[in-house]
């Protein structure tokens, strides 16, 4: 029996009695080899692992019945199965149906080649990984949340971010997910935009909403969510003020701030050159970056420099020169902004940016060129794609349509189909 190889794939970040049962049953069949999901696989499936791969490996290696632990670099077991050719592949019956059934079908087809066999162990009732994951996330400290964005970039490389401007929209970003091509797809982080925050308060986007008010919005979102937050810091204000903003955001657990290299009264970049906007000098903006980095208390917080050169028609070379200078000044990332609807400027910048010897994460906000798919941007070298204002834009349009409907029909009955039911709205927020 000891000559038989038994393969068990698992994440191993939360070990419960269901895992122990699987390992015990597998050990009855032969030598147990655990294919432990790498950090990248775990992060792509559900969340950032609490423990690193090496830490999880040490735990699994010390469970009775486990003979060997090897990395599994894909959610699909087949690549590892073809390498080690196990006699048995052991898994819970949860993969006999639902979104993971295709994985079982692939594994079963693969092991036929050498006469292997799939063994399905009855799923352990009473264990909900979703609930355990949610509990771990909600137990996370401010330090854990603040550090999450850096960890995500390091592990996943490519992140999708959606704006949130209050607790409810934060919950939408937090909980919205789909199953696509056998994978759970969800947003990685949330963007707290000054445009959306100002608009939600009925005020113009001219840095009228002060930092204290912005912090109140951030706290509302943080109280009901767990995902990393990136804050739109506009110009960052005066250097002396910016250092305090950095300290405040870092203290509450925000992961990053993005500041743009403009000075004077803020005008939204989407106006382009139709509104008077003044770009800061390279030296002046570098001083602001350095001051912000010096004010940090941890290595987790990120200051991302937003370059407006393409918006203000200063040219590609100016944008690249500024990117190099801002990185040298300590910027943790670069956001390149453009209102070119073709996206050509962005792809040209990416190509040249990728050649930098000291490259940092690259961020884009494809509001003007949103016909381009995220994967095209990721393939070009982008690390973070921010969908920066879509919840407030869609929300306003829907609410206005409802209001017009009531005026038109002189009753609310005709807008029932536009609204959640009373029961749904009463139970929307988990008590």
Protein backbone atom coordinates (compact mmCIF):
# COMPACT_ATOMS: atom_id res chain seq x y z
CA UNK A 1 0.00 0.00 0.00
CA UNK A 2 2.88 2.36 0.73
CA UNK A 3 3.85 2.19 -2.93
CA UNK A 4 0.51 3.71 -3.94
CA UNK A 5 0.45 7.46 -4.44
CA UNK A 6 -2.60 9.41 -3.31
CA UNK A 7 -3.04 13.03 -4.41
CA UNK A 8 -5.01 15.58 -2.38
CA UNK A 9 -5.27 19.22 -3.45
CA UNK A 10 -6.08 21.91 -0.91
CA UNK A 11 -5.65 25.54 0.07
CA UNK A 12 -4.75 24.83 3.69
CA UNK A 13 -5.23 28.39 4.95
CA UNK A 14 -8.11 27.41 7.22
CA UNK A 15 -7.68 23.85 8.48
CA UNK A 16 -10.89 22.30 9.82
CA UNK A 17 -12.09 18.78 10.59
CA UNK A 18 -13.28 18.34 7.01
CA UNK A 19 -9.66 18.56 5.82
CA UNK A 20 -8.52 16.14 8.49
CA UNK A 21 -11.20 13.67 7.42
CA UNK A 22 -10.05 13.88 3.77
CA UNK A 23 -6.41 13.29 4.76
CA UNK A 24 -7.35 10.36 7.04
CA UNK A 25 -9.35 8.71 4.26
CA UNK A 26 -6.57 9.33 1.75
CA UNK A 27 -3.97 7.80 4.10
CA UNK A 28 -5.92 4.54 4.11
CA UNK A 29 -5.22 4.25 0.38
CA UNK A 30 -1.48 4.92 0.34
CA UNK A 31 1.20 7.62 0.52
CA UNK A 32 -0.51 11.02 0.71
CA UNK A 33 0.90 13.81 -1.45
CA UNK A 34 -0.78 17.17 -0.84
CA UNK A 35 -0.85 19.64 -3.73
CA UNK A 36 -0.92 22.91 -1.83
CA UNK A 37 -2.32 25.89 -3.71
CA UNK A 38 0.20 28.67 -4.13
CA UNK A 39 -0.55 32.17 -2.85
CA UNK A 40 -1.49 33.28 -6.36
CA UNK A 41 -4.04 30.49 -6.74
CA UNK A 42 -5.60 31.14 -3.32
CA UNK A 43 -5.83 34.87 -4.03
CA UNK A 44 -7.50 34.21 -7.37
CA UNK A 45 -10.09 31.91 -5.78
CA UNK A 46 -11.34 33.80 -2.74
CA UNK A 47 -9.07 36.22 -0.89
CA UNK A 48 -5.50 36.85 0.10
CA UNK A 49 -4.28 33.93 2.20
CA UNK A 50 -3.77 34.73 5.87
CA UNK A 51 -0.66 32.54 5.87
CA UNK A 52 1.97 32.49 3.15
CA UNK A 53 2.58 29.34 1.11
CA UNK A 54 5.64 28.42 3.18
CA UNK A 55 3.72 28.88 6.44
CA UNK A 56 0.81 26.78 5.18
CA UNK A 57 3.22 24.13 3.94
CA UNK A 58 4.76 23.76 7.41
CA UNK A 59 1.31 23.25 8.91
CA UNK A 60 0.25 20.62 6.36
CA UNK A 61 3.57 18.75 6.58
CA UNK A 62 2.96 18.23 10.28
CA UNK A 63 -0.49 16.69 9.92
CA UNK A 64 -0.49 12.97 10.60
CA UNK A 65 -0.84 10.97 7.39
CA UNK A 66 0.76 13.52 5.04
CA UNK A 67 3.91 12.20 3.38
CA UNK A 68 4.79 15.09 1.07
CA UNK A 69 3.63 18.62 0.19
CA UNK A 70 4.19 20.07 -3.28
CA UNK A 71 3.03 23.37 -4.82
CA UNK A 72 -0.03 23.42 -7.05
CA UNK A 73 0.36 26.46 -9.31
CA UNK A 74 -3.09 26.24 -10.90
CA UNK A 75 -6.54 25.56 -9.53
CA UNK A 76 -6.73 22.73 -12.05
CA UNK A 77 -5.04 19.60 -10.66
CA UNK A 78 -4.22 18.10 -14.06
CA UNK A 79 -0.70 19.59 -14.49
CA UNK A 80 0.41 18.07 -11.15
CA UNK A 81 -1.42 14.81 -11.79
CA UNK A 82 0.41 14.34 -15.07
CA UNK A 83 3.74 14.86 -13.31
CA UNK A 84 3.33 12.46 -10.39
CA UNK A 85 0.74 10.02 -11.87
CA UNK A 86 -1.02 9.12 -8.60
CA UNK A 87 -2.96 5.90 -8.15
CA UNK A 88 -5.76 7.81 -6.43
CA UNK A 89 -7.04 11.37 -6.42
CA UNK A 90 -9.04 12.10 -3.29
CA UNK A 91 -11.48 15.01 -2.98
CA UNK A 92 -14.73 15.92 -1.24
CA UNK A 93 -17.99 15.31 -3.08
CA UNK A 94 -18.49 19.08 -3.39
CA UNK A 95 -16.70 18.92 -6.75
CA UNK A 96 -19.16 16.37 -8.12
CA UNK A 97 -21.54 19.22 -8.95
CA UNK A 98 -21.55 22.98 -9.23
CA UNK A 99 -18.85 25.23 -10.73
CA UNK A 100 -15.96 22.85 -9.91
CA UNK A 101 -17.43 19.81 -11.65
CA UNK A 102 -15.36 20.51 -14.76
CA UNK A 103 -12.22 20.10 -12.62
CA UNK A 104 -13.34 16.63 -11.56
CA UNK A 105 -14.12 15.72 -15.18
CA UNK A 106 -10.64 16.87 -16.27
CA UNK A 107 -8.95 14.97 -13.43
CA UNK A 108 -10.91 11.79 -14.17
CA UNK A 109 -9.97 11.94 -17.84
CA UNK A 110 -6.30 12.52 -16.99
CA UNK A 111 -5.89 9.61 -14.54
CA UNK A 112 -7.35 7.16 -17.04
CA UNK A 113 -4.05 7.35 -18.92
CA UNK A 114 -2.20 5.41 -16.17
CA UNK A 115 -5.11 3.57 -14.60
CA UNK A 116 -5.66 5.97 -11.71
CA UNK A 117 -8.93 6.41 -9.88
CA UNK A 118 -10.94 9.30 -8.43
CA UNK A 119 -12.16 8.76 -4.87
CA UNK A 120 -14.94 11.10 -3.72
CA UNK A 121 -15.22 11.49 0.06
CA UNK A 122 -18.64 12.61 1.38
CA UNK A 123 -18.52 16.37 1.98
CA UNK A 124 -18.29 17.24 5.66
CA UNK A 125 -21.55 18.91 6.63
CA UNK A 126 -21.59 21.90 8.96
CA UNK A 127 -18.47 23.52 7.49
CA UNK A 128 -18.94 26.68 5.43
CA UNK A 129 -15.70 28.00 4.01
CA UNK A 130 -17.53 31.12 2.85
CA UNK A 131 -18.57 31.88 6.42
CA UNK A 132 -15.09 31.11 7.76
CA UNK A 133 -13.54 33.34 5.10
CA UNK A 134 -15.96 36.13 5.94
CA UNK A 135 -15.18 35.77 9.64
CA UNK A 136 -11.43 35.99 9.00
CA UNK A 137 -11.87 39.06 6.84
CA UNK A 138 -13.99 40.81 9.46
CA UNK A 139 -11.50 39.94 12.18
CA UNK A 140 -8.78 41.60 10.13
CA UNK A 141 -7.05 44.52 11.78
CA UNK A 142 -6.40 47.96 10.37
CA UNK A 143 -2.81 46.84 9.70
CA UNK A 144 -3.99 43.82 7.71
CA UNK A 145 -6.36 45.89 5.59
CA UNK A 146 -3.82 48.62 4.91
CA UNK A 147 -1.22 46.07 3.77
CA UNK A 148 -3.64 44.11 1.59
CA UNK A 149 -3.18 46.17 -1.58
CA UNK A 150 0.59 45.68 -1.69
CA UNK A 151 0.12 41.96 -1.10
CA UNK A 152 -2.49 41.73 -3.85
CA UNK A 153 -0.26 43.48 -6.37
CA UNK A 154 2.64 41.19 -5.46
CA UNK A 155 0.57 38.01 -5.72
CA UNK A 156 -2.06 38.69 -8.37
CA UNK A 157 -0.24 41.32 -10.44
CA UNK A 158 -3.52 42.54 -12.01
CA UNK A 159 -6.34 44.17 -10.01
CA UNK A 160 -9.80 45.44 -10.88
CA UNK A 161 -11.14 48.32 -8.77
CA UNK A 162 -14.60 49.95 -8.60
CA UNK A 163 -15.63 53.23 -7.01
CA UNK A 164 -17.64 53.48 -3.79
CA UNK A 165 -19.01 56.67 -2.26
CA UNK A 166 -20.93 55.46 0.80
CA UNK A 167 -21.56 52.35 2.86
CA UNK A 168 -24.15 50.91 0.47
CA UNK A 169 -21.96 51.24 -2.63
CA UNK A 170 -19.08 49.86 -0.57
CA UNK A 171 -21.19 46.75 0.07
CA UNK A 172 -21.88 46.47 -3.68
CA UNK A 173 -18.15 46.49 -4.43
CA UNK A 174 -17.54 44.08 -1.55
CA UNK A 175 -20.19 41.49 -2.36
CA UNK A 176 -20.79 41.59 -6.12
CA UNK A 177 -19.32 38.48 -7.74
CA UNK A 178 -19.97 36.19 -10.69
CA UNK A 179 -18.86 32.76 -11.82
CA UNK A 180 -17.13 33.04 -15.18
CA UNK A 181 -15.25 30.27 -16.97
CA UNK A 182 -15.16 28.24 -13.78
CA UNK A 183 -13.76 31.06 -11.67
CA UNK A 184 -15.21 33.49 -9.18
CA UNK A 185 -14.77 37.02 -10.50
CA UNK A 186 -15.10 39.98 -8.16
CA UNK A 187 -13.60 43.41 -7.49
CA UNK A 188 -10.25 43.47 -5.71
CA UNK A 189 -10.47 46.88 -4.08
CA UNK A 190 -12.53 50.07 -3.95
CA UNK A 191 -11.79 53.58 -5.14
CA UNK A 192 -13.07 56.51 -3.08
CA UNK A 193 -13.26 59.23 -5.70
CA UNK A 194 -13.38 62.93 -4.88
CA UNK A 195 -15.74 63.42 -7.84
CA UNK A 196 -18.19 60.81 -6.56
CA UNK A 197 -17.84 61.85 -2.91
CA UNK A 198 -18.51 65.49 -3.84
CA UNK A 199 -21.39 64.60 -6.17
CA UNK A 200 -23.04 62.39 -3.55
CA UNK A 201 -22.99 65.41 -1.23
CA UNK A 202 -24.42 67.66 -3.96
CA UNK A 203 -21.22 69.71 -4.24
CA UNK A 204 -18.89 70.53 -7.17
CA UNK A 205 -15.68 68.59 -7.72
CA UNK A 206 -13.28 71.42 -6.82
CA UNK A 207 -11.74 70.06 -3.59
CA UNK A 208 -14.57 71.77 -1.71
CA UNK A 209 -15.18 68.70 0.44
CA UNK A 210 -12.47 68.81 3.11
CA UNK A 211 -10.34 65.98 4.42
CA UNK A 212 -12.42 65.54 7.57
CA UNK A 213 -15.56 65.02 5.51
CA UNK A 214 -13.70 62.66 3.17
CA UNK A 215 -12.56 60.66 6.21
CA UNK A 216 -16.16 60.36 7.38
CA UNK A 217 -17.10 58.82 4.04
CA UNK A 218 -14.12 56.46 4.23
CA UNK A 219 -15.09 55.39 7.74
CA UNK A 220 -18.68 54.71 6.63
CA UNK A 221 -17.35 52.40 3.95
CA UNK A 222 -14.77 50.75 6.21
CA UNK A 223 -17.34 49.90 8.87
CA UNK A 224 -19.21 47.56 6.52
CA UNK A 225 -16.49 46.28 4.16
CA UNK A 226 -13.12 44.54 4.26
CA UNK A 227 -11.46 45.15 0.88
CA UNK A 228 -8.53 47.54 0.37
CA UNK A 229 -9.33 51.20 -0.25
CA UNK A 230 -7.55 53.54 -2.66
CA UNK A 231 -8.34 57.21 -2.08
CA UNK A 232 -8.45 59.94 -4.69
CA UNK A 233 -6.38 62.70 -3.10
CA UNK A 234 -6.83 65.26 -5.89
CA UNK A 235 -3.69 67.46 -5.89
CA UNK A 236 -2.85 66.57 -2.29
CA UNK A 237 -3.06 70.26 -1.41
CA UNK A 238 -0.18 72.08 0.19
CA UNK A 239 2.77 69.92 1.18
CA UNK A 240 2.26 70.75 4.86
CA UNK A 241 -1.36 69.63 4.62
CA UNK A 242 -0.58 66.55 2.54
CA UNK A 243 1.65 65.07 5.23
CA UNK A 244 -1.25 65.14 7.68
CA UNK A 245 -3.58 63.61 5.11
CA UNK A 246 -1.13 60.72 4.66
CA UNK A 247 -0.96 60.14 8.41
CA UNK A 248 -4.76 60.22 8.77
CA UNK A 249 -5.42 57.81 5.91
CA UNK A 250 -2.67 55.46 7.02
CA UNK A 251 -4.00 55.42 10.57
CA UNK A 252 -7.53 54.37 9.59
CA UNK A 253 -6.31 51.57 7.31
CA UNK A 254 -6.46 53.04 3.80
CA UNK A 255 -4.03 51.26 1.47
CA UNK A 256 -3.11 54.03 -0.96
CA UNK A 257 -3.66 57.62 -2.05
CA UNK A 258 -3.37 58.84 -5.63
CA UNK A 259 -2.42 62.50 -6.10
CA UNK A 260 -2.26 64.39 -9.40
CA UNK A 261 0.54 66.70 -10.46
CA UNK A 262 -1.56 69.85 -10.77
CA UNK A 263 -1.75 73.03 -8.68
CA UNK A 264 -4.35 75.71 -8.09
CA UNK A 265 -8.14 75.34 -8.05
CA UNK A 266 -8.96 71.80 -9.06
CA UNK A 267 -10.77 71.15 -12.33
CA UNK A 268 -11.71 67.60 -13.26
CA UNK A 269 -9.23 66.13 -15.75
CA UNK A 270 -12.03 64.93 -18.03
CA UNK A 271 -12.53 68.57 -19.05
CA UNK A 272 -9.08 68.38 -20.67
CA UNK A 273 -7.73 71.70 -21.92
CA UNK A 274 -11.23 73.20 -22.17
CA UNK A 275 -10.83 74.19 -18.51
CA UNK A 276 -7.79 76.10 -17.31
CA UNK A 277 -5.52 73.68 -15.41
CA UNK A 278 -1.94 74.20 -14.30
CA UNK A 279 0.55 71.37 -13.97
CA UNK A 280 2.98 71.44 -11.07
CA UNK A 281 6.71 71.56 -11.74
CA UNK A 282 8.53 68.25 -11.57
CA UNK A 283 10.59 69.51 -8.63
CA UNK A 284 7.54 70.78 -6.76
CA UNK A 285 5.61 67.53 -7.13
CA UNK A 286 8.65 65.44 -6.22
CA UNK A 287 8.95 67.46 -3.01
CA UNK A 288 5.34 66.59 -2.21
CA UNK A 289 5.95 62.87 -2.81
CA UNK A 290 9.07 62.89 -0.64
CA UNK A 291 7.27 64.73 2.16
CA UNK A 292 4.39 62.24 2.06
CA UNK A 293 6.70 59.25 2.18
CA UNK A 294 8.64 60.77 5.07
CA UNK A 295 5.37 61.20 6.99
CA UNK A 296 4.43 57.51 6.76
CA UNK A 297 4.67 55.32 9.84
CA UNK A 298 4.56 51.98 7.99
CA UNK A 299 5.89 50.45 4.78
CA UNK A 300 2.37 49.34 3.78
CA UNK A 301 0.83 52.64 2.71
CA UNK A 302 1.26 53.59 -0.95
CA UNK A 303 1.55 57.03 -2.53
CA UNK A 304 0.74 56.81 -6.23
CA UNK A 305 1.62 59.71 -8.52
CA UNK A 306 -0.91 60.65 -11.19
CA UNK A 307 0.55 62.22 -14.33
CA UNK A 308 -1.56 64.80 -16.20
CA UNK A 309 0.82 65.47 -19.10
CA UNK A 310 -1.31 63.70 -21.70
CA UNK A 311 -4.45 65.45 -20.49
CA UNK A 312 -2.78 68.85 -20.72
CA UNK A 313 -1.20 68.14 -24.13
CA UNK A 314 2.36 68.30 -22.81
CA UNK A 315 3.39 65.23 -24.78
CA UNK A 316 4.56 61.68 -24.21
CA UNK A 317 8.15 62.58 -23.39
CA UNK A 318 7.03 64.92 -20.63
CA UNK A 319 4.86 62.16 -19.18
CA UNK A 320 7.74 59.66 -19.23
CA UNK A 321 10.20 62.19 -17.78
CA UNK A 322 7.80 62.88 -14.93
CA UNK A 323 7.23 59.16 -14.33
CA UNK A 324 10.97 58.59 -13.93
CA UNK A 325 11.32 61.58 -11.60
CA UNK A 326 8.34 60.62 -9.45
CA UNK A 327 9.60 57.07 -9.05
CA UNK A 328 13.01 58.42 -8.06
CA UNK A 329 11.27 60.65 -5.48
CA UNK A 330 9.71 57.56 -3.89
CA UNK A 331 6.31 57.12 -5.58
CA UNK A 332 4.99 53.59 -4.99
CA UNK A 333 3.09 53.59 -8.26
CA UNK A 334 2.30 55.68 -11.33
CA UNK A 335 -1.14 56.50 -12.68
CA UNK A 336 -1.15 57.70 -16.27
CA UNK A 337 -4.30 59.59 -17.25
CA UNK A 338 -5.66 60.19 -20.74
CA UNK A 339 -8.87 61.33 -22.42
CA UNK A 340 -7.83 59.88 -25.79
CA UNK A 341 -10.86 57.76 -26.67
CA UNK A 342 -8.80 55.34 -28.77
CA UNK A 343 -6.51 54.38 -25.89
CA UNK A 344 -3.50 54.72 -28.21
CA UNK A 345 -1.74 57.13 -25.84
CA UNK A 346 -2.06 54.67 -22.99
CA UNK A 347 -0.65 51.76 -24.94
CA UNK A 348 2.27 53.88 -26.14
CA UNK A 349 3.02 54.99 -22.57
CA UNK A 350 2.81 51.38 -21.32
CA UNK A 351 5.28 50.16 -23.92
CA UNK A 352 7.87 52.75 -22.92
CA UNK A 353 7.12 52.55 -19.19
CA UNK A 354 7.73 48.79 -19.23
CA UNK A 355 11.34 49.48 -20.21
CA UNK A 356 12.07 51.40 -17.00
CA UNK A 357 14.73 49.60 -14.92
CA UNK A 358 12.99 50.60 -11.67
CA UNK A 359 9.42 50.08 -12.78
CA UNK A 360 6.61 50.41 -10.20
CA UNK A 361 2.94 49.34 -10.45
CA UNK A 362 1.02 51.15 -13.20
CA UNK A 363 -2.56 52.38 -12.76
CA UNK A 364 -5.09 53.50 -15.38
CA UNK A 365 -8.64 54.88 -15.27
CA UNK A 366 -10.18 53.98 -18.66
CA UNK A 367 -13.24 56.24 -18.42
CA UNK A 368 -12.60 57.81 -21.84
CA UNK A 369 -11.48 54.61 -23.56
CA UNK A 370 -13.71 52.08 -21.83
CA UNK A 371 -14.27 50.03 -25.00
CA UNK A 372 -10.89 48.44 -24.26
CA UNK A 373 -11.00 45.23 -22.23
CA UNK A 374 -9.18 44.96 -18.93
CA UNK A 375 -7.12 42.04 -20.19
CA UNK A 376 -5.80 44.14 -23.07
CA UNK A 377 -4.60 46.71 -20.54
CA UNK A 378 -3.09 44.03 -18.29
CA UNK A 379 -1.30 42.50 -21.27
CA UNK A 380 0.15 45.93 -22.04
CA UNK A 381 1.66 46.17 -18.55
CA UNK A 382 -1.09 47.81 -16.48
CA UNK A 383 -1.39 46.50 -12.91
CA UNK A 384 -4.53 48.26 -11.66
CA UNK A 385 -7.63 49.22 -13.64
CA UNK A 386 -9.97 51.61 -11.82
CA UNK A 387 -13.60 52.00 -12.90
CA UNK A 388 -13.80 55.38 -11.27
CA UNK A 389 -17.36 56.73 -11.25
CA UNK A 390 -19.80 54.18 -12.57
CA UNK A 391 -21.88 53.43 -9.48
CA UNK A 392 -22.82 57.06 -8.88
CA UNK A 393 -23.46 57.66 -12.59
CA UNK A 394 -25.70 54.62 -12.92
CA UNK A 395 -27.34 55.25 -9.53
CA UNK A 396 -28.27 58.84 -10.35
CA UNK A 397 -29.76 57.86 -13.68
CA UNK A 398 -31.90 55.12 -12.11
CA UNK A 399 -33.12 57.33 -9.25
CA UNK A 400 -33.98 60.20 -11.59
CA UNK A 401 -35.97 57.83 -13.83
CA UNK A 402 -37.93 56.65 -10.77
CA UNK A 403 -38.66 60.22 -9.67
CA UNK A 404 -39.84 61.19 -13.17
CA UNK A 405 -42.05 58.10 -13.29
CA UNK A 406 -43.82 59.09 -10.07
CA UNK A 407 -44.42 62.63 -11.34
CA UNK A 408 -45.70 61.34 -14.67
CA UNK A 409 -48.15 58.79 -13.27
CA UNK A 410 -49.04 60.61 -10.04
CA UNK A 411 -48.48 57.42 -8.06
CA UNK A 412 -45.56 55.11 -7.25
CA UNK A 413 -47.19 51.87 -8.43
CA UNK A 414 -45.84 52.27 -11.98
CA UNK A 415 -42.19 52.32 -10.81
CA UNK A 416 -42.46 49.06 -8.82
CA UNK A 417 -40.33 47.26 -11.40
CA UNK A 418 -37.57 49.85 -10.93
CA UNK A 419 -37.34 49.22 -7.20
CA UNK A 420 -36.39 46.52 -4.76
CA UNK A 421 -39.35 45.07 -2.93
CA UNK A 422 -40.00 46.31 0.60
CA UNK A 423 -38.93 42.88 1.90
CA UNK A 424 -35.69 43.03 -0.09
CA UNK A 425 -34.77 46.49 1.17
CA UNK A 426 -35.61 45.50 4.77
CA UNK A 427 -33.35 42.45 4.55
CA UNK A 428 -30.65 43.97 2.29
CA UNK A 429 -28.34 44.73 5.18
CA UNK A 430 -27.46 41.73 7.37
CA UNK A 431 -28.32 42.46 10.99
